[in-house]
Amino acid sequence: MARHAGVSTAVVSYTLNEGAKKVSDATRARVLEAVRVLGYRPNAAARALKIGSTAQLGLVIPGVLNRFFAELADHAEREAAAHGLALVVTSARDGLAAALGHLASRQVDGVLVVGRADVADLGGLEIPVALLDQVRAVNGVAGIGADRYGGARHAVEHLLGHGHRRVGFVGPAGGSDDRLRGWTDAVAAAGLAAEPLIDSDFTRAGGYEAGRRLASLPDRPSSVFVSSDDQSIGLLLALHEAAVRVPGDVAIVSFDGSQEAAYCWPPLTTVAQPLAEMVRLAVGRVLDPSPGYVELPTELVVRRSCGCR
């Protein structure tokens, strides 16, 4: 290519890598024309060996089918690109250690891990890591999360403000999820019983099964708080099939704030997590490593499923 452009290989390198050495506009034009004519593509692997960076950021998500994780990945790709980095996405389907090993073998410059993790999970990884959508501080590791407890409590208080005296919960029944705790505390503060609790995993299929159980209850509550938008989408289908009207028979408030929540019927009132800001902070912690946990506020996005118009 240098011969085609009539310049030295050093000038080609300066031009393509925007080196400090000044290259005239005419010379730059000849090099770029040679690139076009010859169909040149830079060797990323060779460049990575030379400069000690692959210009890649890794992202580990629990699964690829959940809309919330897909939107996180989209934000992460945009933020990485803004820093001149490519994003390599992998799932933790075979375990977090395997996913991290895969990314380490690609010599990525840093990793974002979505979901719960602890120091033991990171396995002595010698590249910067930030935990995204994390719910607790992890010693020595940067973590970014949203206020799940406050968001859930606000959601339940919104339903109580509509006059509902029974607010059910749809979501995982075990563990110490802050959304479950927010629901429990909100109904207790109103002097109400924390029931019914319908156990469901974070999938549309889980929400659908929960919706079938909810529809069949002889003493069905007049409202429910659902711990994710994906579950709510399945729940809406089950209630529709059972001729249970939303919000007429059961009012719903969900959690996550996914884009799909606006396109259900009825559109979902949902507690939105600040995904773009969460990702921005997490990428910043990877590029300029610093430990500590940051919890961001959520926002209730009001639509029709709760009874508001």
Protein backbone atom coordinates (compact mmCIF):
# COMPACT_ATOMS: atom_id res chain seq x y z
CA MET A 1 0.00 0.00 0.00
CA ALA A 2 2.90 2.36 0.75
CA ARG A 3 4.25 1.72 -2.77
CA HIS A 4 0.81 2.39 -4.29
CA ALA A 5 0.53 5.72 -2.45
CA GLY A 6 4.18 6.66 -3.15
CA VAL A 7 5.03 7.09 0.53
CA SER A 8 6.95 5.25 3.23
CA THR A 9 5.39 2.62 5.50
CA ALA A 10 5.93 5.01 8.41
CA VAL A 11 3.78 7.66 6.72
CA VAL A 12 1.04 5.07 6.15
CA SER A 13 1.18 4.21 9.86
CA TYR A 14 1.08 7.87 10.89
CA THR A 15 -1.93 8.47 8.65
CA LEU A 16 -4.00 5.45 9.65
CA ASN A 17 -3.20 5.67 13.35
CA GLU A 18 -3.38 9.47 13.54
CA GLY A 19 0.14 9.70 14.88
CA ALA A 20 1.70 12.83 16.23
CA LYS A 21 3.86 13.37 13.10
CA LYS A 22 2.24 15.90 10.78
CA VAL A 23 1.06 14.45 7.46
CA SER A 24 0.05 16.87 4.72
CA ASP A 25 -3.49 16.84 3.41
CA ALA A 26 -2.26 15.77 -0.03
CA THR A 27 -0.27 12.86 1.38
CA ARG A 28 -3.16 11.82 3.60
CA ALA A 29 -5.47 11.83 0.58
CA ARG A 30 -3.06 9.57 -1.39
CA VAL A 31 -2.85 7.09 1.51
CA LEU A 32 -6.63 6.97 1.97
CA GLU A 33 -7.13 6.50 -1.77
CA ALA A 34 -4.70 3.58 -1.68
CA VAL A 35 -6.69 2.12 1.24
CA ARG A 36 -9.87 2.35 -0.83
CA VAL A 37 -8.40 0.93 -4.03
CA LEU A 38 -6.57 -1.95 -2.36
CA GLY A 39 -9.40 -2.74 0.10
CA TYR A 40 -7.02 -2.57 3.05
CA ARG A 41 -8.25 -3.67 6.46
CA PRO A 42 -6.07 -3.10 9.54
CA ASN A 43 -4.92 -6.20 11.43
CA ALA A 44 -6.53 -5.66 14.84
CA ALA A 45 -4.65 -8.54 16.46
CA ALA A 46 -1.29 -7.21 15.34
CA ARG A 47 -2.16 -3.70 16.49
CA ALA A 48 -3.27 -5.06 19.88
CA LEU A 49 0.08 -6.80 20.35
CA LYS A 50 1.91 -3.61 19.45
CA ILE A 51 0.05 -1.19 21.71
CA GLY A 52 -0.90 -3.63 24.50
CA SER A 53 -4.66 -3.11 24.09
CA THR A 54 -7.38 -4.86 22.12
CA ALA A 55 -9.70 -1.82 22.37
CA GLN A 56 -12.41 -4.25 23.49
CA LEU A 57 -14.72 -4.20 26.48
CA GLY A 58 -16.34 -7.40 27.73
CA LEU A 59 -19.93 -7.69 28.95
CA VAL A 60 -21.29 -10.70 30.85
CA ILE A 61 -25.08 -10.98 31.06
CA PRO A 62 -27.12 -13.76 32.73
CA GLY A 63 -28.94 -14.59 29.47
CA VAL A 64 -29.70 -13.20 26.03
CA LEU A 65 -33.49 -13.59 25.91
CA ASN A 66 -34.42 -11.18 28.69
CA ARG A 67 -35.36 -7.79 27.25
CA PHE A 68 -33.85 -5.91 30.19
CA PHE A 69 -30.42 -7.48 29.61
CA ALA A 70 -30.72 -6.83 25.87
CA GLU A 71 -31.30 -3.14 26.54
CA LEU A 72 -28.36 -3.04 28.96
CA ALA A 73 -26.18 -4.56 26.23
CA ASP A 74 -27.39 -1.94 23.74
CA HIS A 75 -26.48 0.89 26.12
CA ALA A 76 -23.12 -0.75 26.83
CA GLU A 77 -22.33 -1.01 23.12
CA ARG A 78 -23.12 2.66 22.60
CA GLU A 79 -21.05 3.74 25.60
CA ALA A 80 -18.11 1.55 24.59
CA ALA A 81 -18.20 2.98 21.06
CA ALA A 82 -18.13 6.49 22.50
CA HIS A 83 -14.76 5.55 24.03
CA GLY A 84 -13.47 3.92 20.85
CA LEU A 85 -14.02 0.39 22.13
CA ALA A 86 -15.75 -2.64 20.64
CA LEU A 87 -18.08 -4.62 22.91
CA VAL A 88 -17.77 -8.41 23.30
CA VAL A 89 -20.93 -9.88 24.83
CA THR A 90 -21.17 -13.32 26.40
CA SER A 91 -23.71 -14.98 28.68
CA ALA A 92 -23.12 -16.62 32.04
CA ARG A 93 -25.24 -19.61 31.05
CA ASP A 94 -22.33 -21.97 31.80
CA GLY A 95 -21.29 -20.05 34.88
CA LEU A 96 -19.61 -16.72 35.52
CA ALA A 97 -16.11 -18.23 35.74
CA ALA A 98 -16.42 -19.71 32.24
CA ALA A 99 -17.70 -16.43 30.81
CA LEU A 100 -14.88 -14.46 32.41
CA GLY A 101 -12.33 -16.99 31.18
CA HIS A 102 -13.65 -16.60 27.63
CA LEU A 103 -13.29 -12.82 27.80
CA ALA A 104 -9.84 -13.01 29.41
CA SER A 105 -8.67 -15.23 26.54
CA ARG A 106 -9.66 -12.45 24.14
CA GLN A 107 -7.50 -10.05 26.18
CA VAL A 108 -10.28 -7.51 26.63
CA ASP A 109 -9.31 -4.28 28.36
CA GLY A 110 -12.05 -4.55 31.00
CA VAL A 111 -15.27 -6.36 31.87
CA LEU A 112 -18.77 -5.36 32.92
CA VAL A 113 -20.57 -8.10 34.84
CA VAL A 114 -24.36 -7.81 35.00
CA GLY A 115 -26.08 -9.22 38.08
CA ARG A 116 -24.94 -10.52 41.41
CA ALA A 117 -21.34 -11.51 41.90
CA ASP A 118 -18.79 -11.57 44.68
CA VAL A 119 -15.03 -11.45 44.88
CA ALA A 120 -14.77 -15.25 44.74
CA ASP A 121 -16.68 -15.28 41.42
CA LEU A 122 -14.09 -13.02 39.82
CA GLY A 123 -11.39 -15.66 40.28
CA GLY A 124 -8.38 -13.33 40.45
CA LEU A 125 -9.16 -11.73 37.10
CA GLU A 126 -6.28 -9.37 36.31
CA ILE A 127 -8.26 -6.83 34.28
CA PRO A 128 -10.56 -4.03 35.51
CA VAL A 129 -14.08 -5.14 36.42
CA ALA A 130 -17.28 -3.26 37.25
CA LEU A 131 -20.43 -4.96 38.48
CA LEU A 132 -23.53 -3.60 36.75
CA ASP A 133 -27.08 -3.95 38.09
CA GLN A 134 -25.51 -4.95 41.39
CA VAL A 135 -27.54 -4.74 44.60
CA ARG A 136 -24.80 -4.67 47.23
CA ALA A 137 -21.27 -3.35 47.67
CA VAL A 138 -18.50 -5.85 46.97
CA ASN A 139 -15.18 -5.21 48.67
CA GLY A 140 -12.55 -3.92 46.27
CA VAL A 141 -14.81 -4.01 43.18
CA ALA A 142 -16.72 -1.19 41.54
CA GLY A 143 -20.50 -1.71 41.57
CA ILE A 144 -23.40 0.22 40.05
CA GLY A 145 -27.07 -0.44 40.85
CA ALA A 146 -30.51 1.12 41.16
CA ASP A 147 -32.70 1.62 44.22
CA ARG A 148 -34.85 -1.49 43.92
CA TYR A 149 -36.24 -1.17 47.41
CA GLY A 150 -37.30 2.45 47.01
CA GLY A 151 -38.66 1.82 43.53
CA ALA A 152 -40.74 -1.16 44.66
CA ARG A 153 -42.08 0.71 47.67
CA HIS A 154 -43.04 3.68 45.49
CA ALA A 155 -44.84 1.32 43.07
CA VAL A 156 -46.90 -0.25 45.86
CA GLU A 157 -47.68 3.14 47.41
CA HIS A 158 -48.93 4.27 43.99
CA LEU A 159 -51.38 1.36 43.91
CA LEU A 160 -52.45 2.08 47.48
CA GLY A 161 -53.05 5.66 46.40
CA HIS A 162 -55.62 4.33 43.94
CA GLY A 163 -57.54 2.95 46.90
CA HIS A 164 -56.51 -0.69 46.62
CA ARG A 165 -56.58 -2.51 49.96
CA ARG A 166 -54.94 -5.70 48.68
CA VAL A 167 -51.74 -5.49 46.67
CA GLY A 168 -50.30 -8.84 45.67
CA PHE A 169 -46.71 -9.60 44.67
CA VAL A 170 -45.47 -11.57 41.65
CA GLY A 171 -41.79 -12.50 41.74
CA PRO A 172 -39.24 -14.82 43.35
CA ALA A 173 -40.40 -15.71 46.85
CA GLY A 174 -37.04 -16.78 48.23
CA GLY A 175 -33.89 -14.84 49.00
CA SER A 176 -33.61 -11.22 50.03
CA ASP A 177 -34.65 -9.36 46.88
CA ASP A 178 -35.12 -5.68 47.64
CA ARG A 179 -38.28 -5.53 45.50
CA LEU A 180 -39.92 -8.13 47.72
CA ARG A 181 -38.82 -6.22 50.80
CA GLY A 182 -40.12 -2.94 49.38
CA TRP A 183 -43.54 -4.53 48.76
CA THR A 184 -43.65 -6.08 52.24
CA ASP A 185 -42.75 -2.83 54.00
CA ALA A 186 -45.15 -0.70 51.93
CA VAL A 187 -48.20 -2.84 52.66
CA ALA A 188 -47.20 -3.22 56.31
CA ALA A 189 -46.92 0.56 56.65
CA ALA A 190 -50.48 0.80 55.32
CA GLY A 191 -51.68 -1.69 57.96
CA LEU A 192 -52.35 -4.40 55.36
CA ALA A 193 -51.39 -8.05 55.04
CA ALA A 194 -48.52 -8.90 52.66
CA GLU A 195 -50.49 -11.33 50.49
CA PRO A 196 -50.91 -13.01 48.12
CA LEU A 197 -47.32 -13.72 47.14
CA ILE A 198 -47.18 -15.60 43.83
CA ASP A 199 -43.76 -17.14 43.28
CA SER A 200 -42.39 -16.61 39.76
CA ASP A 201 -38.99 -16.49 38.09
CA PHE A 202 -37.82 -13.58 35.96
CA THR A 203 -39.19 -14.84 32.62
CA ARG A 204 -42.26 -14.31 30.49
CA ALA A 205 -43.15 -17.96 30.94
CA GLY A 206 -42.88 -17.52 34.71
CA GLY A 207 -45.10 -14.45 34.52
CA TYR A 208 -47.62 -16.32 32.39
CA GLU A 209 -47.88 -19.16 34.92
CA ALA A 210 -48.17 -16.62 37.73
CA GLY A 211 -50.97 -14.91 35.79
CA ARG A 212 -52.87 -18.18 35.47
CA ARG A 213 -52.58 -18.76 39.21
CA LEU A 214 -53.63 -15.18 39.92
CA ALA A 215 -56.67 -15.46 37.65
CA SER A 216 -57.80 -18.67 39.36
CA LEU A 217 -57.69 -17.29 42.92
CA PRO A 218 -61.19 -17.20 44.47
CA ASP A 219 -60.21 -14.08 46.46
CA ARG A 220 -58.11 -12.39 43.79
CA PRO A 221 -56.47 -9.10 44.87
CA SER A 222 -57.47 -5.94 43.06
CA SER A 223 -53.84 -5.03 42.29
CA VAL A 224 -50.37 -6.57 42.02
CA PHE A 225 -46.79 -5.41 41.93
CA VAL A 226 -44.71 -7.48 39.48
CA SER A 227 -40.95 -7.65 39.94
CA SER A 228 -39.98 -7.38 36.23
CA ASP A 229 -41.44 -6.22 32.93
CA ASP A 230 -40.74 -9.59 31.30
CA GLN A 231 -42.90 -11.30 33.92
CA SER A 232 -45.61 -8.67 33.46
CA ILE A 233 -45.83 -9.34 29.72
CA GLY A 234 -46.51 -13.03 30.37
CA LEU A 235 -48.92 -12.12 33.17
CA LEU A 236 -50.93 -9.83 30.88
CA LEU A 237 -51.42 -12.63 28.36
CA ALA A 238 -52.62 -15.08 31.03
CA LEU A 239 -55.08 -12.55 32.46
CA HIS A 240 -56.38 -11.72 28.98
CA GLU A 241 -56.97 -15.40 28.26
CA ALA A 242 -58.87 -15.70 31.55
CA ALA A 243 -61.00 -12.62 30.71
CA VAL A 244 -59.56 -10.73 33.68
CA ARG A 245 -59.51 -7.04 32.80
CA VAL A 246 -56.46 -4.86 33.41
CA PRO A 247 -56.77 -2.47 35.18
CA GLY A 248 -60.54 -2.94 35.71
CA ASP A 249 -60.24 -6.22 37.63
CA VAL A 250 -56.54 -6.18 38.49
CA ALA A 251 -54.29 -3.12 38.39
CA ILE A 252 -50.60 -3.73 37.67
CA VAL A 253 -47.36 -1.89 38.34
CA SER A 254 -44.15 -3.49 37.09
CA PHE A 255 -40.40 -2.99 37.52
CA ASP A 256 -37.50 -2.36 35.09
CA GLY A 257 -38.69 0.29 32.64
CA SER A 258 -37.95 -1.69 29.47
CA GLN A 259 -38.96 -0.21 26.12
CA GLU A 260 -41.45 -3.04 25.57
CA ALA A 261 -43.47 -1.93 28.59
CA ALA A 262 -44.84 0.96 26.53
CA TYR A 263 -46.13 -1.37 23.79
CA CYS A 264 -48.13 -3.89 25.83
CA TRP A 265 -51.88 -3.64 26.18
CA PRO A 266 -52.58 -1.93 28.35
CA PRO A 267 -49.23 -0.13 28.44
CA LEU A 268 -47.41 -0.96 31.66
CA THR A 269 -46.89 1.45 34.51
CA THR A 270 -43.36 0.55 35.52
CA VAL A 271 -40.50 1.55 37.78
CA ALA A 272 -37.72 2.53 35.37
CA GLN A 273 -34.08 1.95 36.16
CA PRO A 274 -31.66 4.57 34.73
CA LEU A 275 -29.91 2.16 32.38
CA ALA A 276 -27.93 4.69 30.36
CA GLU A 277 -26.52 6.34 33.49
CA MET A 278 -25.80 2.98 35.14
CA VAL A 279 -23.82 1.87 32.08
CA ARG A 280 -22.03 5.23 31.75
CA LEU A 281 -20.81 5.03 35.34
CA ALA A 282 -19.83 1.36 35.04
CA VAL A 283 -17.78 1.91 31.88
CA GLY A 284 -16.12 4.88 33.56
CA ARG A 285 -15.16 2.69 36.53
CA VAL A 286 -13.58 0.15 34.16
CA LEU A 287 -11.59 2.72 32.19
CA ASP A 288 -10.52 4.58 35.33
CA PRO A 289 -10.64 1.82 37.96
CA SER A 290 -12.00 2.76 41.35
CA PRO A 291 -13.85 0.57 43.87
CA GLY A 292 -17.05 1.46 45.68
CA TYR A 293 -20.78 1.08 45.16
CA VAL A 294 -23.15 3.63 43.62
CA GLU A 295 -26.95 3.28 43.90
CA LEU A 296 -29.02 5.42 41.53
CA PRO A 297 -32.67 6.46 42.01
CA THR A 298 -35.49 4.96 39.95
CA GLU A 299 -38.47 6.68 38.35
CA LEU A 300 -42.13 5.60 38.22
CA VAL A 301 -43.34 5.83 34.62
CA VAL A 302 -47.15 6.02 34.78
CA ARG A 303 -49.22 4.44 32.01
CA ARG A 304 -52.60 2.68 31.89
CA SER A 305 -52.06 -0.69 33.59
CA CYS A 306 -52.38 0.86 37.08
CA GLY A 307 -55.64 2.64 36.28
CA CYS A 308 -54.15 6.04 35.40
CA ARG A 309 -54.95 7.67 32.07
